[in-house]
Amino acid sequence: MRKFAEWILRMMRHVVHLFLPRPSDPRAGADKRTIGDDNYFMAVRMLLDEGREVLFTPKGDSMLPFIKNGRDSVVLASLSRPLEVGDIILVQIGPKYIMHRVFALDGDRITMMGDGNIKGKEHCTLNDVIGIVTEIHKENGKVVKPGKGRFWRVIRPLRRIILAFYKRVIL
């Protein structure tokens, strides 16, 4: 099964590179195609079940300012300890794959919220968890261990202002 999962990941990377525009291509960015996540995350899940770690680049701004869309990568590991509030996890909720910070725990019920979200929370169960983020690889090559985001959660009412400034001035 491991070889099959590795093969799927290799093929997905190869297929993705086929659709990326080449810098010398005058049509660069004109034709955009999307590849489904189901096969990719099935392979990720299989590797995590074997105790291996997986490095991937998340998409979306829901974890700003700590994880930047398409620039930073994360290392996922299987859940080997009890979850804590503040952990960053990848879950599957229906057909969607979501990577957010644990906001609250109630038994096996998990409430999550992205660091870049002003409001809006997702709910899932422990069975929906695919993996936990153990490292964040920044675009400058620095490797960061994810914190629990305590201060960021406390200043939640100010997120709107901080994120607006961050998106307009820093990004």
N, C-alpha and C. Protein backbone atom coordinates (compact mmCIF):
# COMPACT_ATOMS: atom_id res chain seq x y z
N MET A 1 0.81 -1.20 0.00
CA MET A 1 0.00 0.00 0.00
C MET A 1 0.86 1.26 0.00
N ARG A 2 2.02 1.24 0.70
CA ARG A 2 2.87 2.41 0.77
C ARG A 2 3.37 2.80 -0.61
N LYS A 3 3.78 1.80 -1.40
CA LYS A 3 4.28 2.09 -2.74
C LYS A 3 3.18 2.69 -3.60
N PHE A 4 1.96 2.22 -3.42
CA PHE A 4 0.83 2.77 -4.17
C PHE A 4 0.61 4.23 -3.79
N ALA A 5 0.66 4.54 -2.50
CA ALA A 5 0.47 5.91 -2.04
C ALA A 5 1.58 6.81 -2.56
N GLU A 6 2.82 6.33 -2.52
CA GLU A 6 3.93 7.12 -3.04
C GLU A 6 3.78 7.35 -4.54
N TRP A 7 3.31 6.34 -5.25
CA TRP A 7 3.10 6.47 -6.69
C TRP A 7 2.04 7.52 -6.98
N ILE A 8 0.94 7.52 -6.22
CA ILE A 8 -0.11 8.52 -6.42
C ILE A 8 0.44 9.92 -6.20
N LEU A 9 1.22 10.10 -5.13
CA LEU A 9 1.79 11.42 -4.86
C LEU A 9 2.73 11.86 -5.99
N ARG A 10 3.56 10.93 -6.49
CA ARG A 10 4.45 11.27 -7.61
C ARG A 10 3.66 11.65 -8.85
N MET A 11 2.62 10.89 -9.14
CA MET A 11 1.81 11.17 -10.32
C MET A 11 1.08 12.52 -10.18
N MET A 12 0.57 12.79 -8.98
CA MET A 12 -0.13 14.06 -8.77
C MET A 12 0.84 15.22 -8.95
N ARG A 13 2.07 15.11 -8.44
CA ARG A 13 3.06 16.17 -8.64
C ARG A 13 3.37 16.34 -10.11
N HIS A 14 3.51 15.22 -10.83
CA HIS A 14 3.81 15.27 -12.26
C HIS A 14 2.67 15.93 -13.02
N VAL A 15 1.45 15.55 -12.73
CA VAL A 15 0.30 16.12 -13.42
C VAL A 15 0.18 17.60 -13.12
N VAL A 16 0.41 18.00 -11.87
CA VAL A 16 0.34 19.41 -11.51
C VAL A 16 1.36 20.21 -12.31
N HIS A 17 2.59 19.69 -12.44
CA HIS A 17 3.63 20.40 -13.18
C HIS A 17 3.28 20.52 -14.66
N LEU A 18 2.53 19.59 -15.22
CA LEU A 18 2.12 19.69 -16.61
C LEU A 18 1.23 20.90 -16.85
N PHE A 19 0.44 21.26 -15.84
CA PHE A 19 -0.52 22.35 -16.01
C PHE A 19 0.00 23.70 -15.54
N LEU A 20 1.18 23.72 -14.91
CA LEU A 20 1.73 25.00 -14.49
C LEU A 20 2.26 25.75 -15.70
N PRO A 21 1.99 27.06 -15.81
CA PRO A 21 2.50 27.81 -16.95
C PRO A 21 4.01 27.95 -16.89
N ARG A 22 4.65 27.89 -18.03
CA ARG A 22 6.10 28.08 -18.11
C ARG A 22 6.36 29.58 -18.22
N PRO A 23 7.45 30.06 -17.60
CA PRO A 23 7.73 31.50 -17.63
C PRO A 23 7.84 32.06 -19.04
N SER A 24 8.37 31.28 -19.98
CA SER A 24 8.55 31.78 -21.34
C SER A 24 7.26 31.66 -22.17
N ASP A 25 6.25 31.04 -21.63
CA ASP A 25 5.00 30.83 -22.35
C ASP A 25 4.19 32.13 -22.37
N PRO A 26 3.89 32.68 -23.57
CA PRO A 26 3.13 33.93 -23.62
C PRO A 26 1.71 33.79 -23.08
N ARG A 27 1.20 32.55 -23.03
CA ARG A 27 -0.14 32.33 -22.50
C ARG A 27 -0.13 32.08 -21.00
N ALA A 28 0.98 32.29 -20.34
CA ALA A 28 1.13 31.97 -18.91
C ALA A 28 -0.03 32.53 -18.11
N GLY A 29 -0.68 31.67 -17.39
CA GLY A 29 -1.79 32.08 -16.54
C GLY A 29 -3.13 32.13 -17.27
N ALA A 30 -3.14 31.94 -18.58
CA ALA A 30 -4.38 32.04 -19.33
C ALA A 30 -5.26 30.81 -19.16
N ASP A 31 -4.65 29.64 -19.02
CA ASP A 31 -5.40 28.39 -18.93
C ASP A 31 -5.14 27.77 -17.57
N LYS A 32 -6.14 27.80 -16.71
CA LYS A 32 -5.97 27.29 -15.35
C LYS A 32 -6.81 26.04 -15.20
N ARG A 33 -6.22 24.99 -14.64
CA ARG A 33 -6.95 23.75 -14.43
C ARG A 33 -6.80 23.32 -12.98
N THR A 34 -7.81 22.63 -12.48
CA THR A 34 -7.81 22.18 -11.10
C THR A 34 -7.84 20.66 -11.06
N ILE A 35 -7.06 20.10 -10.16
CA ILE A 35 -7.02 18.66 -9.98
C ILE A 35 -7.69 18.36 -8.64
N GLY A 36 -8.55 17.36 -8.59
CA GLY A 36 -9.25 17.01 -7.36
C GLY A 36 -8.32 16.58 -6.25
N ASP A 37 -8.73 16.86 -5.03
CA ASP A 37 -7.90 16.55 -3.87
C ASP A 37 -8.11 15.15 -3.33
N ASP A 38 -9.17 14.47 -3.72
CA ASP A 38 -9.50 13.19 -3.11
C ASP A 38 -8.37 12.17 -3.22
N ASN A 39 -7.82 11.97 -4.40
CA ASN A 39 -6.74 10.99 -4.56
C ASN A 39 -5.49 11.42 -3.82
N TYR A 40 -5.19 12.70 -3.87
CA TYR A 40 -4.00 13.20 -3.19
C TYR A 40 -4.10 12.95 -1.69
N PHE A 41 -5.22 13.35 -1.10
CA PHE A 41 -5.36 13.20 0.35
C PHE A 41 -5.57 11.75 0.77
N MET A 42 -6.05 10.90 -0.14
CA MET A 42 -6.10 9.47 0.16
C MET A 42 -4.68 8.94 0.34
N ALA A 43 -3.78 9.37 -0.54
CA ALA A 43 -2.38 8.96 -0.44
C ALA A 43 -1.73 9.54 0.81
N VAL A 44 -2.03 10.79 1.12
CA VAL A 44 -1.50 11.42 2.33
C VAL A 44 -1.96 10.64 3.56
N ARG A 45 -3.23 10.30 3.59
CA ARG A 45 -3.78 9.55 4.73
C ARG A 45 -3.09 8.20 4.88
N MET A 46 -2.83 7.52 3.75
CA MET A 46 -2.17 6.21 3.81
C MET A 46 -0.75 6.34 4.36
N LEU A 47 -0.03 7.37 3.93
CA LEU A 47 1.33 7.57 4.44
C LEU A 47 1.33 7.92 5.92
N LEU A 48 0.39 8.75 6.33
CA LEU A 48 0.30 9.10 7.75
C LEU A 48 -0.06 7.88 8.61
N ASP A 49 -0.93 7.02 8.08
CA ASP A 49 -1.30 5.80 8.80
C ASP A 49 -0.10 4.88 9.01
N GLU A 50 0.89 4.98 8.12
CA GLU A 50 2.11 4.18 8.25
C GLU A 50 3.13 4.84 9.19
N GLY A 51 2.79 6.02 9.72
CA GLY A 51 3.69 6.70 10.64
C GLY A 51 4.65 7.64 9.95
N ARG A 52 4.46 7.88 8.66
CA ARG A 52 5.34 8.80 7.93
C ARG A 52 4.80 10.22 8.00
N GLU A 53 5.65 11.18 7.68
CA GLU A 53 5.24 12.58 7.63
C GLU A 53 5.11 13.01 6.18
N VAL A 54 4.27 14.01 5.94
CA VAL A 54 4.02 14.49 4.59
C VAL A 54 4.18 16.00 4.57
N LEU A 55 4.93 16.51 3.58
CA LEU A 55 5.12 17.94 3.39
C LEU A 55 4.23 18.37 2.23
N PHE A 56 3.39 19.38 2.46
CA PHE A 56 2.58 19.92 1.36
C PHE A 56 2.35 21.41 1.55
N THR A 57 1.95 22.06 0.47
CA THR A 57 1.72 23.49 0.47
C THR A 57 0.22 23.76 0.47
N PRO A 58 -0.31 24.27 1.58
CA PRO A 58 -1.76 24.54 1.64
C PRO A 58 -2.13 25.74 0.78
N LYS A 59 -3.39 25.76 0.38
CA LYS A 59 -3.93 26.87 -0.40
C LYS A 59 -5.00 27.58 0.41
N GLY A 60 -5.11 28.89 0.20
CA GLY A 60 -6.12 29.67 0.88
C GLY A 60 -5.50 30.61 1.90
N ASP A 61 -6.27 31.62 2.28
CA ASP A 61 -5.80 32.63 3.22
C ASP A 61 -6.36 32.46 4.63
N SER A 62 -6.98 31.34 4.91
CA SER A 62 -7.63 31.19 6.21
C SER A 62 -6.66 31.07 7.37
N MET A 63 -5.38 30.81 7.10
CA MET A 63 -4.41 30.70 8.20
C MET A 63 -3.43 31.87 8.23
N LEU A 64 -3.75 32.95 7.49
CA LEU A 64 -2.92 34.15 7.57
C LEU A 64 -2.97 34.70 8.98
N PRO A 65 -1.96 35.31 9.47
CA PRO A 65 -0.68 35.62 8.87
C PRO A 65 0.38 34.55 9.09
N PHE A 66 0.02 33.43 9.69
CA PHE A 66 1.01 32.43 10.08
C PHE A 66 1.39 31.47 8.97
N ILE A 67 0.45 31.18 8.06
CA ILE A 67 0.73 30.32 6.91
C ILE A 67 0.22 31.06 5.67
N LYS A 68 1.14 31.38 4.76
CA LYS A 68 0.79 32.16 3.57
C LYS A 68 0.43 31.24 2.41
N ASN A 69 -0.63 31.59 1.72
CA ASN A 69 -1.16 30.85 0.59
C ASN A 69 -0.11 30.61 -0.49
N GLY A 70 0.18 29.33 -0.76
CA GLY A 70 1.07 28.95 -1.84
C GLY A 70 2.54 29.24 -1.61
N ARG A 71 2.89 29.86 -0.51
CA ARG A 71 4.29 30.21 -0.24
C ARG A 71 4.91 29.32 0.84
N ASP A 72 4.16 29.11 1.91
CA ASP A 72 4.65 28.30 3.02
C ASP A 72 4.17 26.86 2.85
N SER A 73 4.94 25.93 3.39
CA SER A 73 4.56 24.52 3.38
C SER A 73 4.45 24.05 4.82
N VAL A 74 3.70 22.97 5.03
CA VAL A 74 3.55 22.41 6.37
C VAL A 74 3.91 20.93 6.34
N VAL A 75 4.38 20.45 7.47
CA VAL A 75 4.64 19.02 7.66
C VAL A 75 3.49 18.47 8.48
N LEU A 76 2.84 17.46 7.92
CA LEU A 76 1.73 16.79 8.61
C LEU A 76 2.22 15.48 9.19
N ALA A 77 1.77 15.16 10.38
CA ALA A 77 2.06 13.87 11.00
C ALA A 77 0.74 13.29 11.49
N SER A 78 0.74 11.99 11.74
CA SER A 78 -0.46 11.37 12.28
C SER A 78 -0.63 11.82 13.73
N LEU A 79 -1.84 11.79 14.18
CA LEU A 79 -2.17 12.24 15.53
C LEU A 79 -1.69 11.18 16.52
N SER A 80 -0.62 11.49 17.24
CA SER A 80 -0.04 10.52 18.17
C SER A 80 -0.21 10.92 19.63
N ARG A 81 -0.92 12.02 19.85
CA ARG A 81 -1.16 12.50 21.21
C ARG A 81 -2.54 13.13 21.25
N PRO A 82 -3.08 13.35 22.43
CA PRO A 82 -4.39 14.00 22.50
C PRO A 82 -4.31 15.43 21.94
N LEU A 83 -5.35 15.81 21.23
CA LEU A 83 -5.41 17.18 20.69
C LEU A 83 -5.52 18.19 21.81
N GLU A 84 -4.97 19.37 21.56
CA GLU A 84 -5.07 20.48 22.50
C GLU A 84 -5.61 21.70 21.77
N VAL A 85 -6.25 22.58 22.49
CA VAL A 85 -6.69 23.84 21.90
C VAL A 85 -5.44 24.56 21.40
N GLY A 86 -5.49 25.05 20.16
CA GLY A 86 -4.36 25.75 19.57
C GLY A 86 -3.60 24.91 18.55
N ASP A 87 -3.80 23.59 18.53
CA ASP A 87 -3.14 22.75 17.53
C ASP A 87 -3.70 23.07 16.15
N ILE A 88 -2.85 22.96 15.13
CA ILE A 88 -3.30 23.14 13.75
C ILE A 88 -3.48 21.75 13.16
N ILE A 89 -4.68 21.47 12.65
CA ILE A 89 -4.99 20.14 12.14
C ILE A 89 -5.57 20.23 10.73
N LEU A 90 -5.45 19.13 10.01
CA LEU A 90 -6.09 18.97 8.71
C LEU A 90 -7.21 17.97 8.90
N VAL A 91 -8.41 18.36 8.47
CA VAL A 91 -9.57 17.49 8.62
C VAL A 91 -10.31 17.39 7.28
N GLN A 92 -11.12 16.35 7.18
CA GLN A 92 -12.02 16.24 6.05
C GLN A 92 -13.44 16.35 6.59
N ILE A 93 -14.15 17.37 6.09
CA ILE A 93 -15.55 17.57 6.47
C ILE A 93 -16.34 17.46 5.18
N GLY A 94 -17.03 16.34 5.02
CA GLY A 94 -17.73 16.09 3.76
C GLY A 94 -16.70 16.00 2.64
N PRO A 95 -16.92 16.72 1.54
CA PRO A 95 -15.95 16.67 0.44
C PRO A 95 -14.80 17.66 0.59
N LYS A 96 -14.81 18.49 1.64
CA LYS A 96 -13.81 19.54 1.79
C LYS A 96 -12.69 19.13 2.75
N TYR A 97 -11.48 19.58 2.43
CA TYR A 97 -10.32 19.39 3.29
C TYR A 97 -9.97 20.76 3.87
N ILE A 98 -9.90 20.84 5.19
CA ILE A 98 -9.72 22.12 5.87
C ILE A 98 -8.57 22.01 6.86
N MET A 99 -7.68 23.01 6.84
CA MET A 99 -6.60 23.08 7.81
C MET A 99 -6.79 24.34 8.64
N HIS A 100 -7.18 24.16 9.89
CA HIS A 100 -7.42 25.27 10.80
C HIS A 100 -6.89 24.94 12.19
N ARG A 101 -6.96 25.92 13.05
CA ARG A 101 -6.51 25.77 14.43
C ARG A 101 -7.68 25.30 15.28
N VAL A 102 -7.38 24.41 16.23
CA VAL A 102 -8.41 23.93 17.16
C VAL A 102 -8.78 25.10 18.08
N PHE A 103 -10.06 25.44 18.08
CA PHE A 103 -10.56 26.56 18.86
C PHE A 103 -11.14 26.09 20.18
N ALA A 104 -11.81 24.93 20.16
CA ALA A 104 -12.41 24.38 21.38
C ALA A 104 -12.55 22.88 21.23
N LEU A 105 -12.49 22.17 22.35
CA LEU A 105 -12.66 20.72 22.39
C LEU A 105 -13.76 20.38 23.38
N ASP A 106 -14.62 19.46 22.98
CA ASP A 106 -15.67 18.99 23.87
C ASP A 106 -15.81 17.48 23.62
N GLY A 107 -15.06 16.70 24.38
CA GLY A 107 -15.02 15.26 24.14
C GLY A 107 -14.35 15.00 22.80
N ASP A 108 -15.06 14.30 21.89
CA ASP A 108 -14.47 14.07 20.57
C ASP A 108 -14.97 15.09 19.55
N ARG A 109 -15.73 16.08 20.00
CA ARG A 109 -16.22 17.16 19.12
C ARG A 109 -15.20 18.29 19.11
N ILE A 110 -14.83 18.72 17.90
CA ILE A 110 -13.79 19.74 17.73
C ILE A 110 -14.40 20.96 17.04
N THR A 111 -14.11 22.15 17.58
CA THR A 111 -14.46 23.39 16.92
C THR A 111 -13.16 24.02 16.43
N MET A 112 -13.14 24.38 15.14
CA MET A 112 -11.93 24.94 14.54
C MET A 112 -12.23 26.33 13.99
N MET A 113 -11.16 27.12 13.89
CA MET A 113 -11.27 28.44 13.27
C MET A 113 -9.92 28.79 12.68
N GLY A 114 -9.92 29.27 11.44
CA GLY A 114 -8.68 29.68 10.80
C GLY A 114 -8.15 30.96 11.43
N ASP A 115 -6.83 31.09 11.48
CA ASP A 115 -6.23 32.30 12.05
C ASP A 115 -6.58 33.53 11.23
N GLY A 116 -6.81 33.36 9.93
CA GLY A 116 -7.15 34.48 9.06
C GLY A 116 -8.64 34.75 8.99
N ASN A 117 -9.42 34.01 9.75
CA ASN A 117 -10.87 34.22 9.75
C ASN A 117 -11.26 35.19 10.86
N ILE A 118 -12.21 36.04 10.54
CA ILE A 118 -12.71 36.99 11.53
C ILE A 118 -13.82 36.35 12.33
N LYS A 119 -14.65 35.58 11.65
CA LYS A 119 -15.70 34.80 12.30
C LYS A 119 -15.88 33.54 11.48
N GLY A 120 -16.77 32.71 11.88
CA GLY A 120 -16.99 31.47 11.15
C GLY A 120 -16.11 30.36 11.70
N LYS A 121 -16.75 29.35 12.18
CA LYS A 121 -16.05 28.21 12.75
C LYS A 121 -16.56 26.94 12.09
N GLU A 122 -15.72 25.93 12.06
CA GLU A 122 -16.11 24.62 11.55
C GLU A 122 -16.17 23.65 12.72
N HIS A 123 -17.03 22.66 12.58
CA HIS A 123 -17.17 21.64 13.61
C HIS A 123 -16.92 20.28 12.98
N CYS A 124 -16.21 19.45 13.70
CA CYS A 124 -15.95 18.09 13.23
C CYS A 124 -15.75 17.20 14.45
N THR A 125 -15.45 15.95 14.19
CA THR A 125 -15.16 15.01 15.27
C THR A 125 -13.73 14.53 15.13
N LEU A 126 -13.27 13.84 16.12
CA LEU A 126 -11.91 13.31 16.12
C LEU A 126 -11.69 12.36 14.94
N ASN A 127 -12.74 11.67 14.50
CA ASN A 127 -12.62 10.75 13.37
C ASN A 127 -12.35 11.47 12.05
N ASP A 128 -12.66 12.76 11.96
CA ASP A 128 -12.45 13.53 10.74
C ASP A 128 -11.02 14.03 10.60
N VAL A 129 -10.22 13.93 11.66
CA VAL A 129 -8.85 14.46 11.64
C VAL A 129 -7.96 13.56 10.79
N ILE A 130 -7.28 14.18 9.83
CA ILE A 130 -6.32 13.46 8.98
C ILE A 130 -4.94 13.52 9.58
N GLY A 131 -4.53 14.70 10.04
CA GLY A 131 -3.19 14.85 10.62
C GLY A 131 -3.05 16.16 11.36
N ILE A 132 -1.91 16.31 12.00
CA ILE A 132 -1.60 17.50 12.78
C ILE A 132 -0.34 18.14 12.21
N VAL A 133 -0.32 19.46 12.17
CA VAL A 133 0.84 20.19 11.64
C VAL A 133 1.93 20.20 12.71
N THR A 134 3.12 19.72 12.33
CA THR A 134 4.25 19.68 13.27
C THR A 134 5.31 20.72 12.96
N GLU A 135 5.36 21.18 11.70
CA GLU A 135 6.33 22.20 11.29
C GLU A 135 5.71 23.06 10.21
N ILE A 136 6.16 24.31 10.16
CA ILE A 136 5.79 25.21 9.08
C ILE A 136 7.09 25.64 8.42
N HIS A 137 7.20 25.39 7.13
CA HIS A 137 8.37 25.77 6.35
C HIS A 137 8.05 27.09 5.65
N LYS A 138 8.69 28.17 6.11
CA LYS A 138 8.42 29.50 5.58
C LYS A 138 9.10 29.67 4.22
N GLU A 139 8.62 30.65 3.45
CA GLU A 139 9.14 30.87 2.11
C GLU A 139 10.62 31.26 2.11
N ASN A 140 11.13 31.80 3.22
CA ASN A 140 12.54 32.18 3.30
C ASN A 140 13.44 31.03 3.74
N GLY A 141 12.87 29.82 3.88
CA GLY A 141 13.66 28.65 4.27
C GLY A 141 13.65 28.35 5.76
N LYS A 142 13.10 29.23 6.55
CA LYS A 142 13.05 29.03 8.00
C LYS A 142 12.00 27.99 8.34
N VAL A 143 12.32 27.13 9.30
CA VAL A 143 11.37 26.11 9.76
C VAL A 143 10.89 26.52 11.15
N VAL A 144 9.56 26.58 11.31
CA VAL A 144 8.95 27.05 12.55
C VAL A 144 8.07 25.95 13.13
N LYS A 145 8.19 25.75 14.43
CA LYS A 145 7.26 24.86 15.13
C LYS A 145 5.99 25.67 15.42
N PRO A 146 4.83 25.15 15.06
CA PRO A 146 3.62 25.94 15.30
C PRO A 146 3.33 26.09 16.79
N GLY A 147 3.00 27.30 17.17
CA GLY A 147 2.61 27.57 18.55
C GLY A 147 1.13 27.27 18.73
N LYS A 148 0.63 27.62 19.87
CA LYS A 148 -0.78 27.38 20.18
C LYS A 148 -1.66 28.57 19.82
N GLY A 149 -1.06 29.70 19.41
CA GLY A 149 -1.85 30.85 18.99
C GLY A 149 -2.66 31.49 20.11
N ARG A 150 -2.18 31.39 21.35
CA ARG A 150 -2.95 31.93 22.48
C ARG A 150 -3.22 33.42 22.33
N PHE A 151 -2.16 34.20 22.06
CA PHE A 151 -2.33 35.64 21.94
C PHE A 151 -3.26 35.98 20.78
N TRP A 152 -3.11 35.28 19.65
CA TRP A 152 -3.94 35.53 18.48
C TRP A 152 -5.41 35.24 18.77
N ARG A 153 -5.67 34.21 19.59
CA ARG A 153 -7.05 33.90 19.94
C ARG A 153 -7.63 34.93 20.90
N VAL A 154 -6.80 35.47 21.79
CA VAL A 154 -7.26 36.47 22.76
C VAL A 154 -7.63 37.77 22.07
N ILE A 155 -6.86 38.15 21.05
CA ILE A 155 -7.13 39.43 20.38
C ILE A 155 -8.10 39.25 19.19
N ARG A 156 -8.88 38.21 19.21
CA ARG A 156 -9.82 37.93 18.12
C ARG A 156 -10.67 39.13 17.73
N PRO A 157 -11.16 39.94 18.66
CA PRO A 157 -11.95 41.11 18.24
C PRO A 157 -11.15 42.11 17.38
N LEU A 158 -9.83 42.09 17.49
CA LEU A 158 -9.00 43.02 16.72
C LEU A 158 -8.49 42.42 15.41
N ARG A 159 -8.82 41.17 15.14
CA ARG A 159 -8.31 40.51 13.93
C ARG A 159 -8.66 41.27 12.66
N ARG A 160 -9.87 41.79 12.58
CA ARG A 160 -10.31 42.48 11.37
C ARG A 160 -9.33 43.59 11.01
N ILE A 161 -8.95 44.39 11.98
CA ILE A 161 -8.04 45.52 11.75
C ILE A 161 -6.64 45.02 11.41
N ILE A 162 -6.14 44.06 12.18
CA ILE A 162 -4.79 43.53 11.96
C ILE A 162 -4.68 42.86 10.60
N LEU A 163 -5.66 42.04 10.24
CA LEU A 163 -5.62 41.34 8.96
C LEU A 163 -5.77 42.30 7.79
N ALA A 164 -6.60 43.32 7.92
CA ALA A 164 -6.75 44.31 6.86
C ALA A 164 -5.42 45.02 6.62
N PHE A 165 -4.76 45.44 7.69
CA PHE A 165 -3.46 46.07 7.58
C PHE A 165 -2.45 45.12 6.95
N TYR A 166 -2.43 43.89 7.41
CA TYR A 166 -1.48 42.89 6.92
C TYR A 166 -1.67 42.66 5.42
N LYS A 167 -2.91 42.48 4.98
CA LYS A 167 -3.18 42.19 3.57
C LYS A 167 -2.87 43.40 2.67
N ARG A 168 -3.12 44.61 3.17
CA ARG A 168 -2.92 45.79 2.32
C ARG A 168 -1.47 46.29 2.34
N VAL A 169 -0.80 46.19 3.47
CA VAL A 169 0.52 46.78 3.60
C VAL A 169 1.64 45.75 3.50
N ILE A 170 1.50 44.62 4.16
CA ILE A 170 2.60 43.67 4.24
C ILE A 170 2.60 42.71 3.06
N LEU A 171 1.45 42.19 2.67
CA LEU A 171 1.41 41.26 1.53
C LEU A 171 1.57 42.04 0.29
